[in-house]
């Protein structure tokens, strides 16, 4: 019995069995790591979707009120209620924004460009 247990054939057989067991263990470990990564990704997406759902629920509640509907319509379309008047504010142009008459030539434009750099 001792001769069979300590033979080369038994040693090779046990080494092959041990190799298969090691390979299977590594394979299962890698699958476990991949499953954990996918699980974390899904949990992250779930949290993002929950936050998005909360935002959408808040937006729906805002739109269910009359003031929210009016606010949304006014932000998307240029509308007024009957009796309201629109005020348009136009900023006055200053001389700095307007080009001078002398800057229309070639050399005055170059000079103006150099002045604008500094």
N, C-alpha and C. Protein backbone atom coordinates (compact mmCIF):
# COMPACT_ATOMS: atom_id res chain seq x y z
N UNK A 1 0.82 -1.19 0.00
CA UNK A 1 0.00 0.00 0.00
C UNK A 1 0.87 1.26 0.00
N UNK A 2 1.92 1.20 0.78
CA UNK A 2 2.82 2.34 0.85
C UNK A 2 3.50 2.58 -0.49
N UNK A 3 3.81 1.54 -1.17
CA UNK A 3 4.46 1.62 -2.47
C UNK A 3 3.53 2.29 -3.49
N UNK A 4 2.24 2.03 -3.43
CA UNK A 4 1.27 2.63 -4.35
C UNK A 4 1.07 4.10 -4.02
N UNK A 5 0.97 4.44 -2.73
CA UNK A 5 0.73 5.82 -2.32
C UNK A 5 1.91 6.72 -2.69
N UNK A 6 3.13 6.27 -2.52
CA UNK A 6 4.31 7.08 -2.80
C UNK A 6 4.87 6.87 -4.20
N UNK A 7 4.12 6.28 -5.09
CA UNK A 7 4.59 6.05 -6.47
C UNK A 7 4.46 7.34 -7.28
N UNK A 8 5.16 7.34 -8.41
CA UNK A 8 5.11 8.51 -9.30
C UNK A 8 3.72 8.69 -9.89
N UNK A 9 3.09 7.61 -10.19
CA UNK A 9 1.74 7.68 -10.74
C UNK A 9 0.79 8.37 -9.76
N UNK A 10 0.83 8.02 -8.50
CA UNK A 10 -0.03 8.64 -7.49
C UNK A 10 0.32 10.12 -7.35
N UNK A 11 1.63 10.43 -7.38
CA UNK A 11 2.06 11.82 -7.28
C UNK A 11 1.53 12.65 -8.45
N UNK A 12 1.63 12.14 -9.65
CA UNK A 12 1.14 12.84 -10.83
C UNK A 12 -0.38 12.97 -10.78
N UNK A 13 -1.04 11.90 -10.38
CA UNK A 13 -2.50 11.92 -10.29
C UNK A 13 -2.96 12.96 -9.27
N UNK A 14 -2.35 12.99 -8.10
CA UNK A 14 -2.72 13.96 -7.07
C UNK A 14 -2.38 15.39 -7.50
N UNK A 15 -1.28 15.57 -8.22
CA UNK A 15 -0.91 16.89 -8.72
C UNK A 15 -1.94 17.38 -9.74
N UNK A 16 -2.39 16.50 -10.62
CA UNK A 16 -3.40 16.86 -11.61
C UNK A 16 -4.72 17.21 -10.91
N UNK A 17 -5.12 16.40 -9.94
CA UNK A 17 -6.36 16.67 -9.19
C UNK A 17 -6.24 18.02 -8.46
N UNK A 18 -5.09 18.26 -7.83
CA UNK A 18 -4.88 19.52 -7.14
C UNK A 18 -4.90 20.70 -8.12
N UNK A 19 -4.34 20.52 -9.30
CA UNK A 19 -4.35 21.56 -10.35
C UNK A 19 -5.78 21.88 -10.78
N UNK A 20 -6.61 20.86 -11.00
CA UNK A 20 -8.01 21.08 -11.36
C UNK A 20 -8.77 21.81 -10.25
N UNK A 21 -8.48 21.42 -9.02
CA UNK A 21 -9.15 22.08 -7.89
C UNK A 21 -8.73 23.55 -7.80
N UNK A 22 -7.46 23.83 -8.01
CA UNK A 22 -6.97 25.21 -7.97
C UNK A 22 -7.59 26.02 -9.11
N UNK A 23 -7.64 25.43 -10.30
CA UNK A 23 -8.23 26.10 -11.46
C UNK A 23 -9.70 26.42 -11.20
N UNK A 24 -10.44 25.47 -10.65
CA UNK A 24 -11.85 25.69 -10.36
C UNK A 24 -12.04 26.77 -9.30
N UNK A 25 -11.18 26.78 -8.30
CA UNK A 25 -11.27 27.79 -7.25
C UNK A 25 -11.00 29.19 -7.82
N UNK A 26 -9.99 29.32 -8.65
CA UNK A 26 -9.68 30.62 -9.26
C UNK A 26 -10.83 31.06 -10.17
N UNK A 27 -11.37 30.13 -10.92
CA UNK A 27 -12.48 30.44 -11.82
C UNK A 27 -13.70 30.95 -11.03
N UNK A 28 -14.02 30.30 -9.94
CA UNK A 28 -15.15 30.72 -9.10
C UNK A 28 -14.86 32.07 -8.46
N UNK A 29 -13.62 32.29 -8.03
CA UNK A 29 -13.24 33.56 -7.42
C UNK A 29 -13.41 34.71 -8.43
N UNK A 30 -12.97 34.50 -9.66
CA UNK A 30 -13.10 35.54 -10.69
C UNK A 30 -14.56 35.83 -11.00
N UNK A 31 -15.38 34.80 -11.04
CA UNK A 31 -16.82 35.01 -11.26
C UNK A 31 -17.43 35.80 -10.11
N UNK A 32 -16.98 35.50 -8.90
CA UNK A 32 -17.48 36.21 -7.72
C UNK A 32 -17.12 37.69 -7.79
N UNK A 33 -15.89 37.99 -8.17
CA UNK A 33 -15.47 39.40 -8.29
C UNK A 33 -16.28 40.12 -9.37
N UNK A 34 -16.50 39.45 -10.49
CA UNK A 34 -17.29 40.05 -11.56
C UNK A 34 -18.72 40.28 -11.10
N UNK A 35 -19.29 39.33 -10.38
CA UNK A 35 -20.65 39.47 -9.89
C UNK A 35 -20.74 40.62 -8.89
N UNK A 36 -19.74 40.78 -8.03
CA UNK A 36 -19.72 41.90 -7.09
C UNK A 36 -19.64 43.23 -7.82
N UNK A 37 -18.83 43.30 -8.87
CA UNK A 37 -18.72 44.53 -9.65
C UNK A 37 -20.04 44.88 -10.32
N UNK A 38 -20.67 43.88 -10.92
CA UNK A 38 -21.97 44.11 -11.56
C UNK A 38 -23.01 44.52 -10.52
N UNK A 39 -22.97 43.91 -9.36
CA UNK A 39 -23.90 44.24 -8.28
C UNK A 39 -23.72 45.69 -7.85
N UNK A 40 -22.47 46.14 -7.68
CA UNK A 40 -22.22 47.53 -7.32
C UNK A 40 -22.70 48.49 -8.39
N UNK A 41 -22.50 48.13 -9.64
CA UNK A 41 -22.95 48.97 -10.75
C UNK A 41 -24.47 49.09 -10.76
N UNK A 42 -25.13 47.99 -10.55
CA UNK A 42 -26.59 47.99 -10.53
C UNK A 42 -27.11 48.80 -9.34
N UNK A 43 -26.47 48.67 -8.18
CA UNK A 43 -26.88 49.45 -7.01
C UNK A 43 -26.70 50.95 -7.27
N UNK A 44 -25.61 51.31 -7.91
CA UNK A 44 -25.36 52.73 -8.24
C UNK A 44 -26.42 53.24 -9.20
N UNK A 45 -26.74 52.47 -10.23
CA UNK A 45 -27.78 52.86 -11.18
C UNK A 45 -29.14 52.97 -10.48
N UNK A 46 -29.39 52.06 -9.54
CA UNK A 46 -30.65 52.09 -8.79
C UNK A 46 -30.76 53.38 -7.99
N UNK A 47 -29.68 53.77 -7.33
CA UNK A 47 -29.68 55.02 -6.56
C UNK A 47 -29.89 56.23 -7.47
N UNK A 48 -29.24 56.22 -8.63
CA UNK A 48 -29.42 57.32 -9.58
C UNK A 48 -30.86 57.39 -10.07
N UNK A 49 -31.45 56.23 -10.34
CA UNK A 49 -32.83 56.20 -10.81
C UNK A 49 -33.79 56.63 -9.71
N UNK A 50 -33.49 56.28 -8.46
CA UNK A 50 -34.34 56.74 -7.35
C UNK A 50 -34.28 58.25 -7.22
N UNK A 51 -33.09 58.82 -7.37
CA UNK A 51 -32.95 60.28 -7.30
C UNK A 51 -33.68 60.94 -8.46
N UNK A 52 -33.58 60.35 -9.65
CA UNK A 52 -34.28 60.89 -10.81
C UNK A 52 -35.80 60.79 -10.62
N UNK A 53 -36.23 59.69 -10.04
CA UNK A 53 -37.67 59.51 -9.78
C UNK A 53 -38.17 60.57 -8.80
N UNK A 54 -37.36 60.85 -7.77
CA UNK A 54 -37.75 61.88 -6.80
C UNK A 54 -37.84 63.25 -7.47
N UNK A 55 -36.88 63.55 -8.35
CA UNK A 55 -36.91 64.82 -9.07
C UNK A 55 -38.14 64.90 -9.97
N UNK A 56 -38.43 63.81 -10.66
CA UNK A 56 -39.60 63.81 -11.55
C UNK A 56 -40.90 63.92 -10.75
N UNK A 57 -40.95 63.27 -9.59
CA UNK A 57 -42.15 63.38 -8.75
C UNK A 57 -42.35 64.82 -8.29
N UNK A 58 -41.24 65.48 -7.92
CA UNK A 58 -41.34 66.88 -7.51
C UNK A 58 -41.79 67.76 -8.68
N UNK A 59 -41.28 67.47 -9.88
CA UNK A 59 -41.68 68.24 -11.05
C UNK A 59 -43.15 68.00 -11.38
N UNK A 60 -43.62 66.78 -11.22
CA UNK A 60 -45.03 66.47 -11.49
C UNK A 60 -45.92 67.19 -10.49
N UNK A 61 -45.53 67.19 -9.23
CA UNK A 61 -46.34 67.90 -8.22
C UNK A 61 -46.35 69.40 -8.51
N UNK A 62 -45.21 69.93 -8.96
CA UNK A 62 -45.16 71.36 -9.29
C UNK A 62 -46.07 71.66 -10.46
N UNK A 63 -46.10 70.77 -11.46
CA UNK A 63 -46.94 70.99 -12.64
C UNK A 63 -48.41 70.74 -12.36
N UNK A 64 -48.74 70.01 -11.29
CA UNK A 64 -50.14 69.80 -10.95
C UNK A 64 -50.78 71.05 -10.36
N UNK A 65 -49.94 71.95 -9.83
CA UNK A 65 -50.50 73.19 -9.28
C UNK A 65 -50.67 74.20 -10.41
N UNK A 66 -51.59 75.13 -10.22
CA UNK A 66 -51.86 76.12 -11.25
C UNK A 66 -50.67 77.04 -11.46
N UNK A 67 -50.00 77.42 -10.39
CA UNK A 67 -48.83 78.29 -10.50
C UNK A 67 -47.68 77.61 -11.23
N UNK A 68 -47.50 76.32 -11.00
CA UNK A 68 -46.45 75.58 -11.69
C UNK A 68 -46.71 75.46 -13.17
N UNK A 69 -47.97 75.24 -13.53
CA UNK A 69 -48.32 75.16 -14.95
C UNK A 69 -48.06 76.50 -15.63
N UNK A 70 -48.47 77.57 -14.96
CA UNK A 70 -48.27 78.90 -15.53
C UNK A 70 -46.78 79.20 -15.69
N UNK A 71 -46.00 78.86 -14.69
CA UNK A 71 -44.56 79.08 -14.75
C UNK A 71 -43.92 78.32 -15.91
N UNK A 72 -44.33 77.07 -16.10
CA UNK A 72 -43.77 76.26 -17.18
C UNK A 72 -44.17 76.81 -18.54
N UNK A 73 -45.42 77.21 -18.69
CA UNK A 73 -45.88 77.76 -19.98
C UNK A 73 -45.13 79.05 -20.28
N UNK A 74 -44.95 79.91 -19.28
CA UNK A 74 -44.25 81.18 -19.49
C UNK A 74 -42.77 80.95 -19.81
N UNK A 75 -42.17 79.90 -19.26
CA UNK A 75 -40.76 79.65 -19.55
C UNK A 75 -40.56 79.09 -20.95
N UNK A 76 -41.57 78.42 -21.50
CA UNK A 76 -41.42 77.82 -22.83
C UNK A 76 -41.96 78.68 -23.96
N UNK A 77 -42.98 79.47 -23.68
CA UNK A 77 -43.63 80.24 -24.73
C UNK A 77 -43.74 81.71 -24.32
N UNK A 78 -43.67 82.62 -25.29
CA UNK A 78 -43.83 84.04 -24.96
C UNK A 78 -45.32 84.41 -24.87
N UNK A 79 -45.96 84.14 -23.75
CA UNK A 79 -47.38 84.40 -23.59
C UNK A 79 -47.60 85.40 -22.45
N UNK A 80 -48.79 86.02 -22.47
CA UNK A 80 -49.18 86.96 -21.44
C UNK A 80 -50.63 86.69 -21.08
N UNK A 81 -50.95 87.04 -19.84
CA UNK A 81 -52.34 86.96 -19.42
C UNK A 81 -53.07 88.17 -19.98
N UNK A 82 -54.39 88.08 -20.12
CA UNK A 82 -55.13 89.26 -20.56
C UNK A 82 -54.94 90.39 -19.55
N UNK A 83 -54.58 91.56 -20.07
CA UNK A 83 -54.38 92.72 -19.22
C UNK A 83 -52.93 92.93 -18.82
N UNK A 84 -52.07 91.94 -19.04
CA UNK A 84 -50.65 92.10 -18.73
C UNK A 84 -49.96 92.79 -19.89
N UNK A 85 -48.88 93.47 -19.57
CA UNK A 85 -48.09 94.13 -20.60
C UNK A 85 -46.65 93.66 -20.46
N UNK A 86 -45.99 93.52 -21.59
CA UNK A 86 -44.60 93.07 -21.60
C UNK A 86 -43.68 94.28 -21.60
N UNK A 87 -42.60 94.18 -20.88
CA UNK A 87 -41.59 95.23 -20.85
C UNK A 87 -40.33 94.64 -21.45
N UNK A 88 -39.79 95.34 -22.44
CA UNK A 88 -38.55 94.91 -23.08
C UNK A 88 -37.47 95.90 -22.70
N UNK A 89 -36.41 95.43 -22.11
CA UNK A 89 -35.31 96.29 -21.70
C UNK A 89 -34.20 96.15 -22.73
N UNK A 90 -33.84 97.30 -23.31
CA UNK A 90 -32.78 97.32 -24.31
C UNK A 90 -31.62 98.11 -23.73
N UNK A 91 -30.45 97.52 -23.71
CA UNK A 91 -29.28 98.20 -23.19
C UNK A 91 -28.77 99.20 -24.20
N UNK A 92 -28.35 100.33 -23.70
CA UNK A 92 -27.84 101.38 -24.57
C UNK A 92 -26.41 101.03 -24.96
N UNK A 93 -26.10 101.19 -26.25
CA UNK A 93 -24.76 100.89 -26.71
C UNK A 93 -23.85 102.05 -26.35
N UNK A 94 -22.68 101.73 -25.87
CA UNK A 94 -21.71 102.76 -25.52
C UNK A 94 -20.74 102.98 -26.65
N UNK A 95 -19.97 104.03 -26.58
CA UNK A 95 -19.00 104.33 -27.63
C UNK A 95 -17.91 103.28 -27.69
N UNK A 96 -17.62 102.63 -26.56
CA UNK A 96 -16.58 101.60 -26.55
C UNK A 96 -16.97 100.41 -27.42
N UNK A 97 -18.26 100.13 -27.50
CA UNK A 97 -18.72 98.99 -28.28
C UNK A 97 -18.82 99.32 -29.77
N UNK A 98 -18.98 100.61 -30.11
CA UNK A 98 -19.12 101.00 -31.51
C UNK A 98 -17.76 101.27 -32.12
N UNK A 99 -17.53 100.80 -33.35
CA UNK A 99 -16.24 101.08 -33.99
C UNK A 99 -16.18 102.54 -34.43
N UNK A 100 -14.99 103.10 -34.32
CA UNK A 100 -14.80 104.48 -34.74
C UNK A 100 -14.69 104.54 -36.26
N UNK A 101 -14.94 105.71 -36.82
CA UNK A 101 -14.86 105.89 -38.26
C UNK A 101 -13.43 105.68 -38.76
N UNK A 102 -12.46 106.05 -37.94
CA UNK A 102 -11.08 105.96 -38.39
C UNK A 102 -10.54 104.53 -38.38
N UNK A 103 -11.27 103.56 -37.84
CA UNK A 103 -10.78 102.19 -37.77
C UNK A 103 -11.16 101.37 -39.00
N UNK A 104 -11.72 102.00 -40.01
CA UNK A 104 -12.11 101.24 -41.19
C UNK A 104 -10.97 101.05 -42.17
N UNK A 105 -9.87 101.78 -42.04
CA UNK A 105 -8.73 101.60 -42.92
C UNK A 105 -7.87 100.45 -42.45
N UNK A 106 -6.89 100.10 -43.27
CA UNK A 106 -6.03 98.97 -42.95
C UNK A 106 -5.15 99.26 -41.74
N UNK A 107 -4.43 100.37 -41.75
CA UNK A 107 -3.53 100.68 -40.65
C UNK A 107 -4.28 101.03 -39.37
N UNK A 108 -5.38 101.78 -39.44
CA UNK A 108 -6.12 102.02 -38.20
C UNK A 108 -6.64 100.72 -37.56
N UNK A 109 -7.02 99.74 -38.37
CA UNK A 109 -7.48 98.46 -37.81
C UNK A 109 -6.34 97.73 -37.11
N UNK A 110 -5.16 97.77 -37.69
CA UNK A 110 -4.00 97.14 -37.05
C UNK A 110 -3.70 97.84 -35.74
N UNK A 111 -3.72 99.17 -35.74
CA UNK A 111 -3.47 99.93 -34.52
C UNK A 111 -4.52 99.60 -33.46
N UNK A 112 -5.79 99.51 -33.85
CA UNK A 112 -6.87 99.18 -32.91
C UNK A 112 -6.68 97.77 -32.34
N UNK A 113 -6.24 96.84 -33.18
CA UNK A 113 -5.99 95.48 -32.72
C UNK A 113 -4.89 95.46 -31.66
N UNK A 114 -3.81 96.20 -31.91
CA UNK A 114 -2.70 96.25 -30.95
C UNK A 114 -3.16 96.91 -29.65
N UNK A 115 -3.97 97.96 -29.75
CA UNK A 115 -4.48 98.62 -28.53
C UNK A 115 -5.37 97.67 -27.72
N UNK A 116 -6.18 96.87 -28.41
CA UNK A 116 -7.08 95.95 -27.71
C UNK A 116 -6.31 94.84 -26.99
N UNK A 117 -5.15 94.49 -27.49
CA UNK A 117 -4.35 93.45 -26.84
C UNK A 117 -3.90 93.92 -25.47
N UNK A 118 -3.48 95.18 -25.37
CA UNK A 118 -2.98 95.72 -24.11
C UNK A 118 -4.09 96.39 -23.38
